[in-house]
Amino acid sequence: MVGQSLVTVGRLSAAATEAEETARYAATWAARHGDASDAERIAVGLVPDAIVEAAATDGGITVVVAVQVSLVGPEGSPLRHTVTGRAVVPISDFRSVP
C-alpha cells in the first residue's frame, strides 16, 4: 500500500511539474516572439496528449496545460486524474515580432 501511494504521488508530482513548466515555457516564448497560437502549438508539441488553452489577455499571454495521469485505484481499478499547469506572462516591450 505504501509503495502504491509513493508511485501515485510521484506520478502526480511529475505530471504537475511537466504541465507547469510547459505552460510557462510556451507563454514566455509567445510573449517574447509570437502570439497565443504559437504558445498553443509549442505546448502541444512538448506534451502531445495534453489539453492546451492559450489566449492573449490584456498585455499578456495566458497558457493552461492539463495533463491526464493514469493511476491504479483500490483493488487495481484504473483511475485517471487531471493535473493543470497555468502561466501568465506579460508581453515584452522588446518583442521581436510586433
PDB file of N, CA and C in Angstrom:
ATOM      1  N   MET A   1       0.820  -1.198   0.000  1.00  0.00           N
ATOM      2  CA  MET A   1       0.000   0.000   0.000  1.00  0.00           C
ATOM      3  C   MET A   1       0.865   1.263   0.000  1.00  0.00           C
ATOM      4  N   VAL A   2       1.944   1.226   0.788  1.00  0.00           N
ATOM      5  CA  VAL A   2       2.829   2.381   0.857  1.00  0.00           C
ATOM      6  C   VAL A   2       3.509   2.597  -0.490  1.00  0.00           C
ATOM      7  N   GLY A   3       3.943   1.508  -1.107  1.00  0.00           N
ATOM      8  CA  GLY A   3       4.590   1.613  -2.420  1.00  0.00           C
ATOM      9  C   GLY A   3       3.665   2.208  -3.461  1.00  0.00           C
ATOM     10  N   GLN A   4       2.422   1.763  -3.462  1.00  0.00           N
ATOM     11  CA  GLN A   4       1.437   2.289  -4.416  1.00  0.00           C
ATOM     12  C   GLN A   4       1.187   3.774  -4.170  1.00  0.00           C
ATOM     13  N   SER A   5       1.157   4.168  -2.912  1.00  0.00           N
ATOM     14  CA  SER A   5       0.957   5.586  -2.591  1.00  0.00           C
ATOM     15  C   SER A   5       2.131   6.426  -3.067  1.00  0.00           C
ATOM     16  N   LEU A   6       3.351   5.919  -2.906  1.00  0.00           N
ATOM     17  CA  LEU A   6       4.531   6.647  -3.358  1.00  0.00           C
ATOM     18  C   LEU A   6       4.553   6.785  -4.878  1.00  0.00           C
ATOM     19  N   VAL A   7       4.174   5.727  -5.568  1.00  0.00           N
ATOM     20  CA  VAL A   7       4.110   5.786  -7.040  1.00  0.00           C
ATOM     21  C   VAL A   7       3.067   6.812  -7.469  1.00  0.00           C
ATOM     22  N   THR A   8       1.930   6.821  -6.814  1.00  0.00           N
ATOM     23  CA  THR A   8       0.866   7.773  -7.143  1.00  0.00           C
ATOM     24  C   THR A   8       1.334   9.206  -6.935  1.00  0.00           C
ATOM     25  N   VAL A   9       1.943   9.473  -5.797  1.00  0.00           N
ATOM     26  CA  VAL A   9       2.442  10.820  -5.512  1.00  0.00           C
ATOM     27  C   VAL A   9       3.512  11.210  -6.524  1.00  0.00           C
ATOM     28  N   GLY A  10       4.381  10.287  -6.867  1.00  0.00           N
ATOM     29  CA  GLY A  10       5.426  10.564  -7.843  1.00  0.00           C
ATOM     30  C   GLY A  10       4.870  10.881  -9.222  1.00  0.00           C
ATOM     31  N   ARG A  11       3.912  10.116  -9.679  1.00  0.00           N
ATOM     32  CA  ARG A  11       3.306  10.364 -10.996  1.00  0.00           C
ATOM     33  C   ARG A  11       2.568  11.701 -11.030  1.00  0.00           C
ATOM     34  N   LEU A  12       1.813  11.992  -9.991  1.00  0.00           N
ATOM     35  CA  LEU A  12       1.085  13.257  -9.948  1.00  0.00           C
ATOM     36  C   LEU A  12       2.041  14.437  -9.887  1.00  0.00           C
ATOM     37  N   SER A  13       3.086  14.306  -9.101  1.00  0.00           N
ATOM     38  CA  SER A  13       4.067  15.378  -8.984  1.00  0.00           C
ATOM     39  C   SER A  13       4.795  15.612 -10.306  1.00  0.00           C
ATOM     40  N   ALA A  14       5.199  14.553 -10.967  1.00  0.00           N
ATOM     41  CA  ALA A  14       5.903  14.679 -12.246  1.00  0.00           C
ATOM     42  C   ALA A  14       4.999  15.305 -13.308  1.00  0.00           C
ATOM     43  N   ALA A  15       3.745  14.884 -13.354  1.00  0.00           N
ATOM     44  CA  ALA A  15       2.812  15.437 -14.337  1.00  0.00           C
ATOM     45  C   ALA A  15       2.521  16.907 -14.053  1.00  0.00           C
ATOM     46  N   ALA A  16       2.387  17.264 -12.786  1.00  0.00           N
ATOM     47  CA  ALA A  16       2.131  18.662 -12.424  1.00  0.00           C
ATOM     48  C   ALA A  16       3.318  19.542 -12.804  1.00  0.00           C
ATOM     49  N   THR A  17       4.522  19.044 -12.569  1.00  0.00           N
ATOM     50  CA  THR A  17       5.723  19.795 -12.936  1.00  0.00           C
ATOM     51  C   THR A  17       5.803  19.955 -14.449  1.00  0.00           C
ATOM     52  N   GLU A  18       5.535  18.882 -15.180  1.00  0.00           N
ATOM     53  CA  GLU A  18       5.560  18.941 -16.640  1.00  0.00           C
ATOM     54  C   GLU A  18       4.534  19.948 -17.171  1.00  0.00           C
ATOM     55  N   ALA A  19       3.331  19.931 -16.636  1.00  0.00           N
ATOM     56  CA  ALA A  19       2.287  20.851 -17.082  1.00  0.00           C
ATOM     57  C   ALA A  19       2.660  22.294 -16.780  1.00  0.00           C
ATOM     58  N   GLU A  20       3.182  22.544 -15.588  1.00  0.00           N
ATOM     59  CA  GLU A  20       3.562  23.900 -15.182  1.00  0.00           C
ATOM     60  C   GLU A  20       4.721  24.438 -16.019  1.00  0.00           C
ATOM     61  N   GLU A  21       5.747  23.619 -16.207  1.00  0.00           N
ATOM     62  CA  GLU A  21       6.907  24.058 -16.986  1.00  0.00           C
ATOM     63  C   GLU A  21       6.550  24.270 -18.456  1.00  0.00           C
ATOM     64  N   THR A  22       5.716  23.413 -18.998  1.00  0.00           N
ATOM     65  CA  THR A  22       5.293  23.559 -20.389  1.00  0.00           C
ATOM     66  C   THR A  22       4.492  24.844 -20.571  1.00  0.00           C
ATOM     67  N   ALA A  23       3.565  25.104 -19.671  1.00  0.00           N
ATOM     68  CA  ALA A  23       2.766  26.332 -19.754  1.00  0.00           C
ATOM     69  C   ALA A  23       3.659  27.558 -19.652  1.00  0.00           C
ATOM     70  N   ARG A  24       4.596  27.550 -18.725  1.00  0.00           N
ATOM     71  CA  ARG A  24       5.494  28.688 -18.542  1.00  0.00           C
ATOM     72  C   ARG A  24       6.383  28.908 -19.767  1.00  0.00           C
ATOM     73  N   TYR A  25       6.953  27.836 -20.304  1.00  0.00           N
ATOM     74  CA  TYR A  25       7.827  27.958 -21.469  1.00  0.00           C
ATOM     75  C   TYR A  25       7.054  28.497 -22.677  1.00  0.00           C
ATOM     76  N   ALA A  26       5.890  27.912 -22.953  1.00  0.00           N
ATOM     77  CA  ALA A  26       5.101  28.332 -24.118  1.00  0.00           C
ATOM     78  C   ALA A  26       4.645  29.782 -23.987  1.00  0.00           C
ATOM     79  N   ALA A  27       4.198  30.164 -22.800  1.00  0.00           N
ATOM     80  CA  ALA A  27       3.739  31.546 -22.587  1.00  0.00           C
ATOM     81  C   ALA A  27       4.896  32.533 -22.700  1.00  0.00           C
ATOM     82  N   THR A  28       6.046  32.171 -22.150  1.00  0.00           N
ATOM     83  CA  THR A  28       7.206  33.062 -22.211  1.00  0.00           C
ATOM     84  C   THR A  28       7.669  33.249 -23.651  1.00  0.00           C
ATOM     85  N   TRP A  29       7.752  32.159 -24.398  1.00  0.00           N
ATOM     86  CA  TRP A  29       8.193  32.265 -25.784  1.00  0.00           C
ATOM     87  C   TRP A  29       7.223  33.136 -26.591  1.00  0.00           C
ATOM     88  N   ALA A  30       5.932  32.888 -26.427  1.00  0.00           N
ATOM     89  CA  ALA A  30       4.936  33.649 -27.179  1.00  0.00           C
ATOM     90  C   ALA A  30       4.933  35.121 -26.779  1.00  0.00           C
ATOM     91  N   ALA A  31       5.155  35.411 -25.521  1.00  0.00           N
ATOM     92  CA  ALA A  31       5.171  36.806 -25.067  1.00  0.00           C
ATOM     93  C   ALA A  31       6.373  37.558 -25.609  1.00  0.00           C
ATOM     94  N   ARG A  32       7.428  36.850 -25.933  1.00  0.00           N
ATOM     95  CA  ARG A  32       8.638  37.497 -26.446  1.00  0.00           C
ATOM     96  C   ARG A  32       8.727  37.485 -27.971  1.00  0.00           C
ATOM     97  N   HIS A  33       8.110  36.473 -28.614  1.00  0.00           N
ATOM     98  CA  HIS A  33       8.330  36.305 -30.048  1.00  0.00           C
ATOM     99  C   HIS A  33       7.082  36.102 -30.895  1.00  0.00           C
ATOM    100  N   GLY A  34       5.953  35.744 -30.321  1.00  0.00           N
ATOM    101  CA  GLY A  34       4.812  35.358 -31.139  1.00  0.00           C
ATOM    102  C   GLY A  34       3.482  35.771 -30.552  1.00  0.00           C
ATOM    103  N   ASP A  35       2.530  34.851 -30.630  1.00  0.00           N
ATOM    104  CA  ASP A  35       1.191  35.125 -30.116  1.00  0.00           C
ATOM    105  C   ASP A  35       0.621  33.861 -29.468  1.00  0.00           C
ATOM    106  N   ALA A  36      -0.658  33.908 -29.101  1.00  0.00           N
ATOM    107  CA  ALA A  36      -1.273  32.796 -28.381  1.00  0.00           C
ATOM    108  C   ALA A  36      -1.286  31.511 -29.213  1.00  0.00           C
ATOM    109  N   SER A  37      -1.455  31.617 -30.526  1.00  0.00           N
ATOM    110  CA  SER A  37      -1.467  30.403 -31.350  1.00  0.00           C
ATOM    111  C   SER A  37      -0.092  29.735 -31.344  1.00  0.00           C
ATOM    112  N   ASP A  38       0.960  30.532 -31.297  1.00  0.00           N
ATOM    113  CA  ASP A  38       2.306  29.966 -31.183  1.00  0.00           C
ATOM    114  C   ASP A  38       2.482  29.254 -29.845  1.00  0.00           C
ATOM    115  N   ALA A  39       1.974  29.847 -28.789  1.00  0.00           N
ATOM    116  CA  ALA A  39       2.066  29.234 -27.463  1.00  0.00           C
ATOM    117  C   ALA A  39       1.355  27.889 -27.440  1.00  0.00           C
ATOM    118  N   GLU A  40       0.185  27.835 -28.044  1.00  0.00           N
ATOM    119  CA  GLU A  40      -0.572  26.584 -28.082  1.00  0.00           C
ATOM    120  C   GLU A  40       0.181  25.526 -28.880  1.00  0.00           C
ATOM    121  N   ARG A  41       0.734  25.907 -30.016  1.00  0.00           N
ATOM    122  CA  ARG A  41       1.485  24.973 -30.869  1.00  0.00           C
ATOM    123  C   ARG A  41       2.706  24.430 -30.110  1.00  0.00           C
ATOM    124  N   ILE A  42       3.411  25.295 -29.410  1.00  0.00           N
ATOM    125  CA  ILE A  42       4.591  24.875 -28.649  1.00  0.00           C
ATOM    126  C   ILE A  42       4.203  23.903 -27.538  1.00  0.00           C
ATOM    127  N   ALA A  43       3.171  24.239 -26.787  1.00  0.00           N
ATOM    128  CA  ALA A  43       2.750  23.389 -25.671  1.00  0.00           C
ATOM    129  C   ALA A  43       2.290  22.016 -26.155  1.00  0.00           C
ATOM    130  N   VAL A  44       1.541  21.978 -27.242  1.00  0.00           N
ATOM    131  CA  VAL A  44       1.083  20.697 -27.793  1.00  0.00           C
ATOM    132  C   VAL A  44       2.276  19.888 -28.313  1.00  0.00           C
ATOM    133  N   GLY A  45       3.261  20.572 -28.874  1.00  0.00           N
ATOM    134  CA  GLY A  45       4.460  19.883 -29.333  1.00  0.00           C
ATOM    135  C   GLY A  45       5.253  19.270 -28.195  1.00  0.00           C
ATOM    136  N   LEU A  46       5.275  19.923 -27.053  1.00  0.00           N
ATOM    137  CA  LEU A  46       6.011  19.416 -25.897  1.00  0.00           C
ATOM    138  C   LEU A  46       5.268  18.305 -25.162  1.00  0.00           C
ATOM    139  N   VAL A  47       3.941  18.425 -25.081  1.00  0.00           N
ATOM    140  CA  VAL A  47       3.121  17.422 -24.385  1.00  0.00           C
ATOM    141  C   VAL A  47       1.931  17.088 -25.292  1.00  0.00           C
ATOM    142  N   PRO A  48       2.132  16.176 -26.243  1.00  0.00           N
ATOM    143  CA  PRO A  48       1.096  15.909 -27.255  1.00  0.00           C
ATOM    144  C   PRO A  48      -0.255  15.463 -26.705  1.00  0.00           C
ATOM    145  N   ASP A  49      -0.277  14.779 -25.573  1.00  0.00           N
ATOM    146  CA  ASP A  49      -1.542  14.274 -25.031  1.00  0.00           C
ATOM    147  C   ASP A  49      -2.263  15.282 -24.144  1.00  0.00           C
ATOM    148  N   ALA A  50      -1.704  16.464 -23.970  1.00  0.00           N
ATOM    149  CA  ALA A  50      -2.289  17.465 -23.074  1.00  0.00           C
ATOM    150  C   ALA A  50      -3.426  18.216 -23.746  1.00  0.00           C
ATOM    151  N   ILE A  51      -4.279  18.762 -22.915  1.00  0.00           N
ATOM    152  CA  ILE A  51      -5.301  19.698 -23.379  1.00  0.00           C
ATOM    153  C   ILE A  51      -4.731  21.083 -23.114  1.00  0.00           C
ATOM    154  N   VAL A  52      -4.596  21.882 -24.171  1.00  0.00           N
ATOM    155  CA  VAL A  52      -3.928  23.176 -24.062  1.00  0.00           C
ATOM    156  C   VAL A  52      -4.885  24.290 -24.451  1.00  0.00           C
ATOM    157  N   GLU A  53      -4.896  25.331 -23.647  1.00  0.00           N
ATOM    158  CA  GLU A  53      -5.635  26.548 -23.962  1.00  0.00           C
ATOM    159  C   GLU A  53      -4.668  27.712 -23.839  1.00  0.00           C
ATOM    160  N   ALA A  54      -4.609  28.529 -24.879  1.00  0.00           N
ATOM    161  CA  ALA A  54      -3.744  29.702 -24.854  1.00  0.00           C
ATOM    162  C   ALA A  54      -4.553  30.897 -25.325  1.00  0.00           C
ATOM    163  N   ALA A  55      -4.341  32.028 -24.673  1.00  0.00           N
ATOM    164  CA  ALA A  55      -5.078  33.235 -25.033  1.00  0.00           C
ATOM    165  C   ALA A  55      -4.243  34.470 -24.747  1.00  0.00           C
ATOM    166  N   ALA A  56      -4.455  35.470 -25.577  1.00  0.00           N
ATOM    167  CA  ALA A  56      -3.846  36.773 -25.320  1.00  0.00           C
ATOM    168  C   ALA A  56      -4.800  37.538 -24.414  1.00  0.00           C
ATOM    169  N   THR A  57      -4.276  38.044 -23.320  1.00  0.00           N
ATOM    170  CA  THR A  57      -5.074  38.828 -22.386  1.00  0.00           C
ATOM    171  C   THR A  57      -4.546  40.256 -22.409  1.00  0.00           C
ATOM    172  N   ASP A  58      -5.046  41.098 -21.565  1.00  0.00           N
ATOM    173  CA  ASP A  58      -4.588  42.486 -21.511  1.00  0.00           C
ATOM    174  C   ASP A  58      -3.095  42.542 -21.202  1.00  0.00           C
ATOM    175  N   GLY A  59      -2.306  42.691 -22.245  1.00  0.00           N
ATOM    176  CA  GLY A  59      -0.873  42.827 -22.062  1.00  0.00           C
ATOM    177  C   GLY A  59      -0.132  41.549 -21.752  1.00  0.00           C
ATOM    178  N   GLY A  60      -0.745  40.382 -21.930  1.00  0.00           N
ATOM    179  CA  GLY A  60      -0.054  39.142 -21.597  1.00  0.00           C
ATOM    180  C   GLY A  60      -0.552  37.950 -22.380  1.00  0.00           C
ATOM    181  N   ILE A  61       0.156  36.859 -22.218  1.00  0.00           N
ATOM    182  CA  ILE A  61      -0.217  35.575 -22.806  1.00  0.00           C
ATOM    183  C   ILE A  61      -0.502  34.619 -21.660  1.00  0.00           C
ATOM    184  N   THR A  62      -1.662  33.983 -21.703  1.00  0.00           N
ATOM    185  CA  THR A  62      -2.046  33.002 -20.697  1.00  0.00           C
ATOM    186  C   THR A  62      -2.080  31.629 -21.350  1.00  0.00           C
ATOM    187  N   VAL A  63      -1.431  30.661 -20.724  1.00  0.00           N
ATOM    188  CA  VAL A  63      -1.419  29.293 -21.225  1.00  0.00           C
ATOM    189  C   VAL A  63      -1.813  28.369 -20.082  1.00  0.00           C
ATOM    190  N   VAL A  64      -2.756  27.471 -20.361  1.00  0.00           N
ATOM    191  CA  VAL A  64      -3.184  26.459 -19.404  1.00  0.00           C
ATOM    192  C   VAL A  64      -2.957  25.095 -20.052  1.00  0.00           C
ATOM    193  N   VAL A  65      -2.240  24.227 -19.351  1.00  0.00           N
ATOM    194  CA  VAL A  65      -1.934  22.886 -19.846  1.00  0.00           C
ATOM    195  C   VAL A  65      -2.510  21.877 -18.857  1.00  0.00           C
ATOM    196  N   ALA A  66      -3.394  21.012 -19.338  1.00  0.00           N
ATOM    197  CA  ALA A  66      -3.990  19.971 -18.494  1.00  0.00           C
ATOM    198  C   ALA A  66      -3.502  18.606 -18.973  1.00  0.00           C
ATOM    199  N   VAL A  67      -2.966  17.823 -18.043  1.00  0.00           N
ATOM    200  CA  VAL A  67      -2.414  16.506 -18.350  1.00  0.00           C
ATOM    201  C   VAL A  67      -3.168  15.465 -17.542  1.00  0.00           C
ATOM    202  N   GLN A  68      -3.632  14.408 -18.221  1.00  0.00           N
ATOM    203  CA  GLN A  68      -4.290  13.315 -17.513  1.00  0.00           C
ATOM    204  C   GLN A  68      -3.255  12.282 -17.098  1.00  0.00           C
ATOM    205  N   VAL A  69      -3.364  11.838 -15.861  1.00  0.00           N
ATOM    206  CA  VAL A  69      -2.423  10.870 -15.300  1.00  0.00           C
ATOM    207  C   VAL A  69      -3.175   9.577 -15.012  1.00  0.00           C
ATOM    208  N   SER A  70      -2.645   8.472 -15.518  1.00  0.00           N
ATOM    209  CA  SER A  70      -3.232   7.161 -15.242  1.00  0.00           C
ATOM    210  C   SER A  70      -2.695   6.651 -13.916  1.00  0.00           C
ATOM    211  N   LEU A  71      -3.603   6.228 -13.061  1.00  0.00           N
ATOM    212  CA  LEU A  71      -3.238   5.731 -11.735  1.00  0.00           C
ATOM    213  C   LEU A  71      -3.918   4.393 -11.495  1.00  0.00           C
ATOM    214  N   VAL A  72      -3.487   3.727 -10.454  1.00  0.00           N
ATOM    215  CA  VAL A  72      -4.115   2.477 -10.054  1.00  0.00           C
ATOM    216  C   VAL A  72      -4.870   2.742  -8.765  1.00  0.00           C
ATOM    217  N   GLY A  73      -6.163   2.459  -8.778  1.00  0.00           N
ATOM    218  CA  GLY A  73      -7.002   2.705  -7.612  1.00  0.00           C
ATOM    219  C   GLY A  73      -7.106   1.487  -6.717  1.00  0.00           C
ATOM    220  N   PRO A  74      -8.070   1.540  -5.818  1.00  0.00           N
ATOM    221  CA  PRO A  74      -8.283   0.416  -4.912  1.00  0.00           C
ATOM    222  C   PRO A  74      -8.529  -0.880  -5.684  1.00  0.00           C
ATOM    223  N   GLU A  75      -7.925  -1.942  -5.221  1.00  0.00           N
ATOM    224  CA  GLU A  75      -8.072  -3.268  -5.813  1.00  0.00           C
ATOM    225  C   GLU A  75      -7.673  -3.300  -7.285  1.00  0.00           C
ATOM    226  N   GLY A  76      -6.734  -2.443  -7.669  1.00  0.00           N
ATOM    227  CA  GLY A  76      -6.212  -2.462  -9.036  1.00  0.00           C
ATOM    228  C   GLY A  76      -7.077  -1.799 -10.082  1.00  0.00           C
ATOM    229  N   SER A  77      -8.136  -1.125  -9.669  1.00  0.00           N
ATOM    230  CA  SER A  77      -9.008  -0.474 -10.652  1.00  0.00           C
ATOM    231  C   SER A  77      -8.299   0.743 -11.251  1.00  0.00           C
ATOM    232  N   PRO A  78      -8.458   0.951 -12.549  1.00  0.00           N
ATOM    233  CA  PRO A  78      -7.789   2.097 -13.190  1.00  0.00           C
ATOM    234  C   PRO A  78      -8.487   3.417 -12.841  1.00  0.00           C
ATOM    235  N   LEU A  79      -7.684   4.428 -12.611  1.00  0.00           N
ATOM    236  CA  LEU A  79      -8.181   5.775 -12.326  1.00  0.00           C
ATOM    237  C   LEU A  79      -7.453   6.756 -13.232  1.00  0.00           C
ATOM    238  N   ARG A  80      -8.078   7.877 -13.509  1.00  0.00           N
ATOM    239  CA  ARG A  80      -7.422   8.955 -14.240  1.00  0.00           C
ATOM    240  C   ARG A  80      -7.639  10.234 -13.452  1.00  0.00           C
ATOM    241  N   HIS A  81      -6.571  10.994 -13.325  1.00  0.00           N
ATOM    242  CA  HIS A  81      -6.628  12.266 -12.607  1.00  0.00           C
ATOM    243  C   HIS A  81      -5.993  13.327 -13.492  1.00  0.00           C
ATOM    244  N   THR A  82      -6.579  14.508 -13.527  1.00  0.00           N
ATOM    245  CA  THR A  82      -6.051  15.593 -14.350  1.00  0.00           C
ATOM    246  C   THR A  82      -5.319  16.598 -13.477  1.00  0.00           C
ATOM    247  N   VAL A  83      -4.092  16.919 -13.880  1.00  0.00           N
ATOM    248  CA  VAL A  83      -3.327  17.977 -13.220  1.00  0.00           C
ATOM    249  C   VAL A  83      -3.176  19.125 -14.211  1.00  0.00           C
ATOM    250  N   THR A  84      -3.116  20.332 -13.689  1.00  0.00           N
ATOM    251  CA  THR A  84      -3.106  21.516 -14.543  1.00  0.00           C
ATOM    252  C   THR A  84      -1.949  22.427 -14.187  1.00  0.00           C
ATOM    253  N   GLY A  85      -1.328  22.960 -15.231  1.00  0.00           N
ATOM    254  CA  GLY A  85      -0.303  23.993 -15.073  1.00  0.00           C
ATOM    255  C   GLY A  85      -0.788  25.252 -15.773  1.00  0.00           C
ATOM    256  N   ARG A  86      -0.544  26.400 -15.168  1.00  0.00           N
ATOM    257  CA  ARG A  86      -1.027  27.663 -15.726  1.00  0.00           C
ATOM    258  C   ARG A  86       0.078  28.703 -15.612  1.00  0.00           C
ATOM    259  N   ALA A  87       0.230  29.492 -16.682  1.00  0.00           N
ATOM    260  CA  ALA A  87       1.218  30.570 -16.658  1.00  0.00           C
ATOM    261  C   ALA A  87       0.646  31.794 -17.351  1.00  0.00           C
ATOM    262  N   VAL A  88       0.916  32.948 -16.777  1.00  0.00           N
ATOM    263  CA  VAL A  88       0.553  34.230 -17.384  1.00  0.00           C
ATOM    264  C   VAL A  88       1.841  35.041 -17.461  1.00  0.00           C
ATOM    265  N   VAL A  89       2.214  35.421 -18.689  1.00  0.00           N
ATOM    266  CA  VAL A  89       3.453  36.156 -18.899  1.00  0.00           C
ATOM    267  C   VAL A  89       3.126  37.459 -19.613  1.00  0.00           C
ATOM    268  N   PRO A  90       3.585  38.599 -19.089  1.00  0.00           N
ATOM    269  CA  PRO A  90       3.332  39.877 -19.758  1.00  0.00           C
ATOM    270  C   PRO A  90       4.049  39.933 -21.109  1.00  0.00           C
ATOM    271  N   ILE A  91       3.414  40.555 -22.075  1.00  0.00           N
ATOM    272  CA  ILE A  91       4.022  40.709 -23.391  1.00  0.00           C
ATOM    273  C   ILE A  91       5.208  41.657 -23.272  1.00  0.00           C
ATOM    274  N   SER A  92       6.316  41.236 -23.826  1.00  0.00           N
ATOM    275  CA  SER A  92       7.548  42.001 -23.732  1.00  0.00           C
ATOM    276  C   SER A  92       7.459  43.279 -24.552  1.00  0.00           C
ATOM    277  N   ASP A  93       7.977  44.358 -23.990  1.00  0.00           N
ATOM    278  CA  ASP A  93       8.036  45.629 -24.713  1.00  0.00           C
ATOM    279  C   ASP A  93       9.041  45.558 -25.868  1.00  0.00           C
ATOM    280  N   PHE A  94       9.929  44.595 -25.810  1.00  0.00           N
ATOM    281  CA  PHE A  94      11.009  44.485 -26.794  1.00  0.00           C
ATOM    282  C   PHE A  94      10.873  43.221 -27.627  1.00  0.00           C
ATOM    283  N   ARG A  95       9.644  42.742 -27.818  1.00  0.00           N
ATOM    284  CA  ARG A  95       9.447  41.506 -28.562  1.00  0.00           C
ATOM    285  C   ARG A  95       9.929  41.629 -29.984  1.00  0.00           C
ATOM    286  N   SER A  96      10.377  40.534 -30.566  1.00  0.00           N
ATOM    287  CA  SER A  96      10.967  40.549 -31.874  1.00  0.00           C
ATOM    288  C   SER A  96       9.930  40.543 -32.997  1.00  0.00           C
ATOM    289  N   VAL A  97       8.677  40.237 -32.683  1.00  0.00           N
ATOM    290  CA  VAL A  97       7.597  40.293 -33.673  1.00  0.00           C
ATOM    291  C   VAL A  97       6.521  41.209 -33.117  1.00  0.00           C
ATOM    292  N   PRO A  98       6.116  42.236 -33.858  1.00  0.00           N
ATOM    293  CA  PRO A  98       5.111  43.165 -33.317  1.00  0.00           C
ATOM    294  C   PRO A  98       3.754  42.535 -33.105  1.00  0.00           C
TER     295      PRO A  98
END
